Amino acid sequence: MVDAHVPWAYNQSIYRVIRGEMALELSLVPSSHDVRIVVQYRGEPIYELITQTVLDVDYRRDTLGEHIDIILDDNHAIDVQVKPRIRLTHSN
């Protein structure tokens, strides 16, 4: 949480992970459905998503690793794999 004095629903949560030369930063504000994803390779941004239309965000762990699923709408989602490597898959 960015601000300890703000209720969690209105607060910004930031998740950062580094795997080798890849880095991921995921920022969430639940009340406004704001999501920002930045992926860097060797310190240079290679992917960025900023959206205010997220329906849901869910964490899951399976045999392939750890994932954060970002549901953009009824037809589009982004699977953000954070372990054992950083990988983004956009599905529709």
N, C-alpha and C. Protein backbone atom coordinates (compact mmCIF):
# COMPACT_ATOMS: atom_id res chain seq x y z
N MET A 1 0.83 -1.18 0.00
CA MET A 1 0.00 0.00 0.00
C MET A 1 0.88 1.24 0.00
N VAL A 2 0.50 2.20 -0.82
CA VAL A 2 1.29 3.41 -0.95
C VAL A 2 1.07 4.35 0.24
N ASP A 3 -0.17 4.49 0.69
CA ASP A 3 -0.49 5.42 1.78
C ASP A 3 -1.20 4.66 2.90
N ALA A 4 -0.55 4.52 4.02
CA ALA A 4 -1.10 3.75 5.14
C ALA A 4 -2.35 4.38 5.75
N HIS A 5 -2.63 5.64 5.45
CA HIS A 5 -3.77 6.35 6.03
C HIS A 5 -5.01 6.31 5.14
N VAL A 6 -4.91 5.68 3.99
CA VAL A 6 -6.02 5.61 3.04
C VAL A 6 -6.58 4.19 3.07
N PRO A 7 -7.92 4.03 3.13
CA PRO A 7 -8.51 2.68 3.10
C PRO A 7 -8.04 1.90 1.87
N TRP A 8 -7.88 0.59 2.02
CA TRP A 8 -7.30 -0.23 0.96
C TRP A 8 -8.02 -0.07 -0.38
N ALA A 9 -9.32 0.07 -0.38
CA ALA A 9 -10.07 0.16 -1.64
C ALA A 9 -9.71 1.40 -2.44
N TYR A 10 -9.26 2.44 -1.77
CA TYR A 10 -8.91 3.70 -2.44
C TYR A 10 -7.40 3.89 -2.53
N ASN A 11 -6.68 2.95 -2.03
CA ASN A 11 -5.23 3.05 -1.98
C ASN A 11 -4.63 2.41 -3.22
N GLN A 12 -3.39 2.75 -3.50
CA GLN A 12 -2.67 2.15 -4.61
C GLN A 12 -1.77 1.06 -4.06
N SER A 13 -1.89 -0.13 -4.62
CA SER A 13 -1.01 -1.24 -4.27
C SER A 13 -0.05 -1.45 -5.43
N ILE A 14 1.21 -1.66 -5.09
CA ILE A 14 2.23 -1.87 -6.11
C ILE A 14 2.93 -3.19 -5.85
N TYR A 15 3.01 -4.01 -6.89
CA TYR A 15 3.68 -5.29 -6.84
C TYR A 15 4.86 -5.22 -7.80
N ARG A 16 6.06 -5.49 -7.31
CA ARG A 16 7.26 -5.47 -8.15
C ARG A 16 7.97 -6.82 -8.04
N VAL A 17 8.44 -7.30 -9.18
CA VAL A 17 9.18 -8.56 -9.20
C VAL A 17 10.26 -8.46 -10.27
N ILE A 18 11.40 -9.07 -9.97
CA ILE A 18 12.52 -9.13 -10.93
C ILE A 18 12.89 -10.59 -11.10
N ARG A 19 12.98 -11.00 -12.34
CA ARG A 19 13.40 -12.36 -12.70
C ARG A 19 14.49 -12.22 -13.75
N GLY A 20 15.73 -12.41 -13.35
CA GLY A 20 16.84 -12.25 -14.29
C GLY A 20 16.91 -10.82 -14.80
N GLU A 21 16.85 -10.65 -16.10
CA GLU A 21 16.94 -9.31 -16.71
C GLU A 21 15.56 -8.68 -16.95
N MET A 22 14.51 -9.39 -16.55
CA MET A 22 13.14 -8.89 -16.70
C MET A 22 12.64 -8.34 -15.37
N ALA A 23 11.88 -7.26 -15.45
CA ALA A 23 11.26 -6.68 -14.26
C ALA A 23 9.81 -6.35 -14.59
N LEU A 24 8.95 -6.51 -13.59
CA LEU A 24 7.53 -6.23 -13.75
C LEU A 24 7.08 -5.34 -12.60
N GLU A 25 6.28 -4.33 -12.93
CA GLU A 25 5.63 -3.53 -11.89
C GLU A 25 4.14 -3.51 -12.22
N LEU A 26 3.33 -3.90 -11.24
CA LEU A 26 1.88 -3.92 -11.39
C LEU A 26 1.31 -3.02 -10.31
N SER A 27 0.54 -2.03 -10.72
CA SER A 27 -0.05 -1.06 -9.81
C SER A 27 -1.57 -1.16 -9.91
N LEU A 28 -2.25 -1.25 -8.76
CA LEU A 28 -3.70 -1.42 -8.71
C LEU A 28 -4.33 -0.38 -7.78
N VAL A 29 -5.48 0.17 -8.20
CA VAL A 29 -6.32 1.00 -7.33
C VAL A 29 -7.72 0.40 -7.43
N PRO A 30 -8.13 -0.42 -6.45
CA PRO A 30 -9.40 -1.15 -6.56
C PRO A 30 -10.64 -0.29 -6.79
N SER A 31 -10.77 0.83 -6.11
CA SER A 31 -11.99 1.63 -6.20
C SER A 31 -12.23 2.21 -7.58
N SER A 32 -11.17 2.53 -8.30
CA SER A 32 -11.34 3.15 -9.62
C SER A 32 -11.03 2.18 -10.76
N HIS A 33 -10.73 0.94 -10.44
CA HIS A 33 -10.42 -0.09 -11.44
C HIS A 33 -9.20 0.27 -12.28
N ASP A 34 -8.31 1.06 -11.71
CA ASP A 34 -7.08 1.43 -12.40
C ASP A 34 -6.05 0.31 -12.29
N VAL A 35 -5.45 -0.02 -13.42
CA VAL A 35 -4.36 -0.99 -13.45
C VAL A 35 -3.27 -0.44 -14.36
N ARG A 36 -2.05 -0.54 -13.90
CA ARG A 36 -0.89 -0.16 -14.71
C ARG A 36 0.11 -1.30 -14.63
N ILE A 37 0.56 -1.75 -15.79
CA ILE A 37 1.57 -2.79 -15.89
C ILE A 37 2.74 -2.23 -16.69
N VAL A 38 3.94 -2.38 -16.16
CA VAL A 38 5.15 -2.02 -16.90
C VAL A 38 6.09 -3.21 -16.83
N VAL A 39 6.55 -3.66 -18.00
CA VAL A 39 7.54 -4.72 -18.09
C VAL A 39 8.81 -4.11 -18.67
N GLN A 40 9.93 -4.41 -18.01
CA GLN A 40 11.22 -3.90 -18.48
C GLN A 40 12.17 -5.06 -18.76
N TYR A 41 13.00 -4.86 -19.77
CA TYR A 41 14.08 -5.79 -20.07
C TYR A 41 15.38 -5.00 -20.02
N ARG A 42 16.27 -5.42 -19.15
CA ARG A 42 17.54 -4.72 -18.94
C ARG A 42 17.33 -3.24 -18.62
N GLY A 43 16.28 -2.95 -17.85
CA GLY A 43 16.01 -1.58 -17.41
C GLY A 43 15.25 -0.72 -18.41
N GLU A 44 14.96 -1.25 -19.59
CA GLU A 44 14.24 -0.50 -20.62
C GLU A 44 12.81 -1.02 -20.73
N PRO A 45 11.82 -0.12 -20.70
CA PRO A 45 10.43 -0.56 -20.84
C PRO A 45 10.19 -1.22 -22.21
N ILE A 46 9.55 -2.39 -22.18
CA ILE A 46 9.20 -3.07 -23.43
C ILE A 46 7.70 -3.26 -23.57
N TYR A 47 6.96 -3.05 -22.48
CA TYR A 47 5.50 -3.19 -22.52
C TYR A 47 4.92 -2.32 -21.42
N GLU A 48 3.83 -1.61 -21.75
CA GLU A 48 3.12 -0.83 -20.74
C GLU A 48 1.64 -0.85 -21.05
N LEU A 49 0.86 -1.07 -20.02
CA LEU A 49 -0.60 -1.03 -20.12
C LEU A 49 -1.11 -0.13 -19.00
N ILE A 50 -1.94 0.83 -19.38
CA ILE A 50 -2.63 1.68 -18.41
C ILE A 50 -4.10 1.63 -18.77
N THR A 51 -4.92 1.18 -17.84
CA THR A 51 -6.35 1.06 -18.13
C THR A 51 -7.19 1.37 -16.89
N GLN A 52 -8.39 1.86 -17.14
CA GLN A 52 -9.34 2.13 -16.06
C GLN A 52 -10.62 1.34 -16.27
N THR A 53 -10.51 0.26 -17.01
CA THR A 53 -11.70 -0.52 -17.36
C THR A 53 -11.61 -1.97 -16.90
N VAL A 54 -10.87 -2.23 -15.86
CA VAL A 54 -10.68 -3.61 -15.40
C VAL A 54 -11.91 -4.10 -14.65
N LEU A 55 -12.37 -5.29 -14.99
CA LEU A 55 -13.49 -5.90 -14.29
C LEU A 55 -13.07 -6.61 -13.03
N ASP A 56 -11.91 -7.30 -13.10
CA ASP A 56 -11.47 -8.07 -11.93
C ASP A 56 -9.98 -8.35 -12.03
N VAL A 57 -9.37 -8.58 -10.89
CA VAL A 57 -7.98 -9.00 -10.80
C VAL A 57 -7.95 -10.18 -9.83
N ASP A 58 -7.28 -11.25 -10.25
CA ASP A 58 -7.27 -12.47 -9.44
C ASP A 58 -5.87 -13.07 -9.43
N TYR A 59 -5.45 -13.55 -8.28
CA TYR A 59 -4.18 -14.26 -8.15
C TYR A 59 -4.45 -15.75 -8.15
N ARG A 60 -3.59 -16.50 -8.85
CA ARG A 60 -3.72 -17.95 -8.81
C ARG A 60 -2.35 -18.60 -8.91
N ARG A 61 -2.28 -19.79 -8.35
CA ARG A 61 -1.07 -20.60 -8.40
C ARG A 61 -1.47 -21.94 -8.99
N ASP A 62 -0.69 -22.39 -9.98
CA ASP A 62 -0.95 -23.69 -10.58
C ASP A 62 0.38 -24.40 -10.84
N THR A 63 0.34 -25.50 -11.56
CA THR A 63 1.56 -26.27 -11.79
C THR A 63 2.57 -25.53 -12.66
N LEU A 64 2.13 -24.50 -13.39
CA LEU A 64 3.04 -23.73 -14.24
C LEU A 64 3.67 -22.55 -13.52
N GLY A 65 3.15 -22.18 -12.35
CA GLY A 65 3.73 -21.07 -11.61
C GLY A 65 2.67 -20.22 -10.93
N GLU A 66 3.03 -18.95 -10.70
CA GLU A 66 2.12 -18.00 -10.07
C GLU A 66 1.69 -16.98 -11.12
N HIS A 67 0.40 -16.62 -11.06
CA HIS A 67 -0.19 -15.75 -12.07
C HIS A 67 -1.07 -14.69 -11.43
N ILE A 68 -1.17 -13.56 -12.12
CA ILE A 68 -2.16 -12.54 -11.80
C ILE A 68 -3.01 -12.38 -13.05
N ASP A 69 -4.28 -12.71 -12.94
CA ASP A 69 -5.20 -12.60 -14.07
C ASP A 69 -5.92 -11.26 -14.00
N ILE A 70 -5.83 -10.51 -15.09
CA ILE A 70 -6.48 -9.21 -15.17
C ILE A 70 -7.59 -9.32 -16.22
N ILE A 71 -8.83 -9.24 -15.76
CA ILE A 71 -9.98 -9.36 -16.66
C ILE A 71 -10.34 -7.95 -17.12
N LEU A 72 -10.13 -7.68 -18.41
CA LEU A 72 -10.38 -6.35 -18.95
C LEU A 72 -11.85 -6.13 -19.27
N ASP A 73 -12.48 -7.14 -19.86
CA ASP A 73 -13.91 -7.10 -20.17
C ASP A 73 -14.37 -8.54 -20.38
N ASP A 74 -15.57 -8.72 -20.87
CA ASP A 74 -16.11 -10.07 -21.04
C ASP A 74 -15.33 -10.91 -22.05
N ASN A 75 -14.55 -10.26 -22.92
CA ASN A 75 -13.86 -10.97 -23.99
C ASN A 75 -12.35 -10.90 -23.93
N HIS A 76 -11.78 -10.11 -23.03
CA HIS A 76 -10.34 -9.91 -23.02
C HIS A 76 -9.78 -10.01 -21.60
N ALA A 77 -8.64 -10.71 -21.52
CA ALA A 77 -7.95 -10.85 -20.24
C ALA A 77 -6.45 -10.90 -20.49
N ILE A 78 -5.70 -10.55 -19.46
CA ILE A 78 -4.26 -10.66 -19.52
C ILE A 78 -3.81 -11.57 -18.37
N ASP A 79 -3.09 -12.61 -18.74
CA ASP A 79 -2.50 -13.52 -17.75
C ASP A 79 -1.07 -13.04 -17.54
N VAL A 80 -0.79 -12.54 -16.34
CA VAL A 80 0.55 -12.07 -15.99
C VAL A 80 1.21 -13.15 -15.14
N GLN A 81 2.10 -13.91 -15.76
CA GLN A 81 2.82 -14.94 -15.01
C GLN A 81 4.00 -14.26 -14.33
N VAL A 82 4.14 -14.47 -13.02
CA VAL A 82 5.21 -13.82 -12.26
C VAL A 82 6.23 -14.81 -11.69
N LYS A 83 5.91 -16.09 -11.76
CA LYS A 83 6.83 -17.10 -11.27
C LYS A 83 6.62 -18.38 -12.06
N PRO A 84 7.56 -19.08 -12.55
CA PRO A 84 8.99 -18.91 -12.33
C PRO A 84 9.63 -17.84 -13.22
N ARG A 85 8.88 -17.29 -14.19
CA ARG A 85 9.40 -16.23 -15.05
C ARG A 85 8.31 -15.20 -15.28
N ILE A 86 8.67 -14.08 -15.82
CA ILE A 86 7.70 -13.04 -16.17
C ILE A 86 7.25 -13.31 -17.60
N ARG A 87 5.93 -13.38 -17.76
CA ARG A 87 5.36 -13.63 -19.09
C ARG A 87 3.95 -13.08 -19.10
N LEU A 88 3.58 -12.36 -20.17
CA LEU A 88 2.23 -11.81 -20.33
C LEU A 88 1.58 -12.48 -21.52
N THR A 89 0.34 -12.92 -21.32
CA THR A 89 -0.45 -13.53 -22.39
C THR A 89 -1.80 -12.84 -22.44
N HIS A 90 -2.12 -12.26 -23.59
CA HIS A 90 -3.41 -11.59 -23.79
C HIS A 90 -4.34 -12.56 -24.50
N SER A 91 -5.49 -12.78 -23.90
CA SER A 91 -6.46 -13.71 -24.51
C SER A 91 -7.75 -12.98 -24.83
N ASN A 92 -8.41 -13.49 -25.83
CA ASN A 92 -9.74 -12.96 -26.20
C ASN A 92 -10.61 -14.08 -26.70
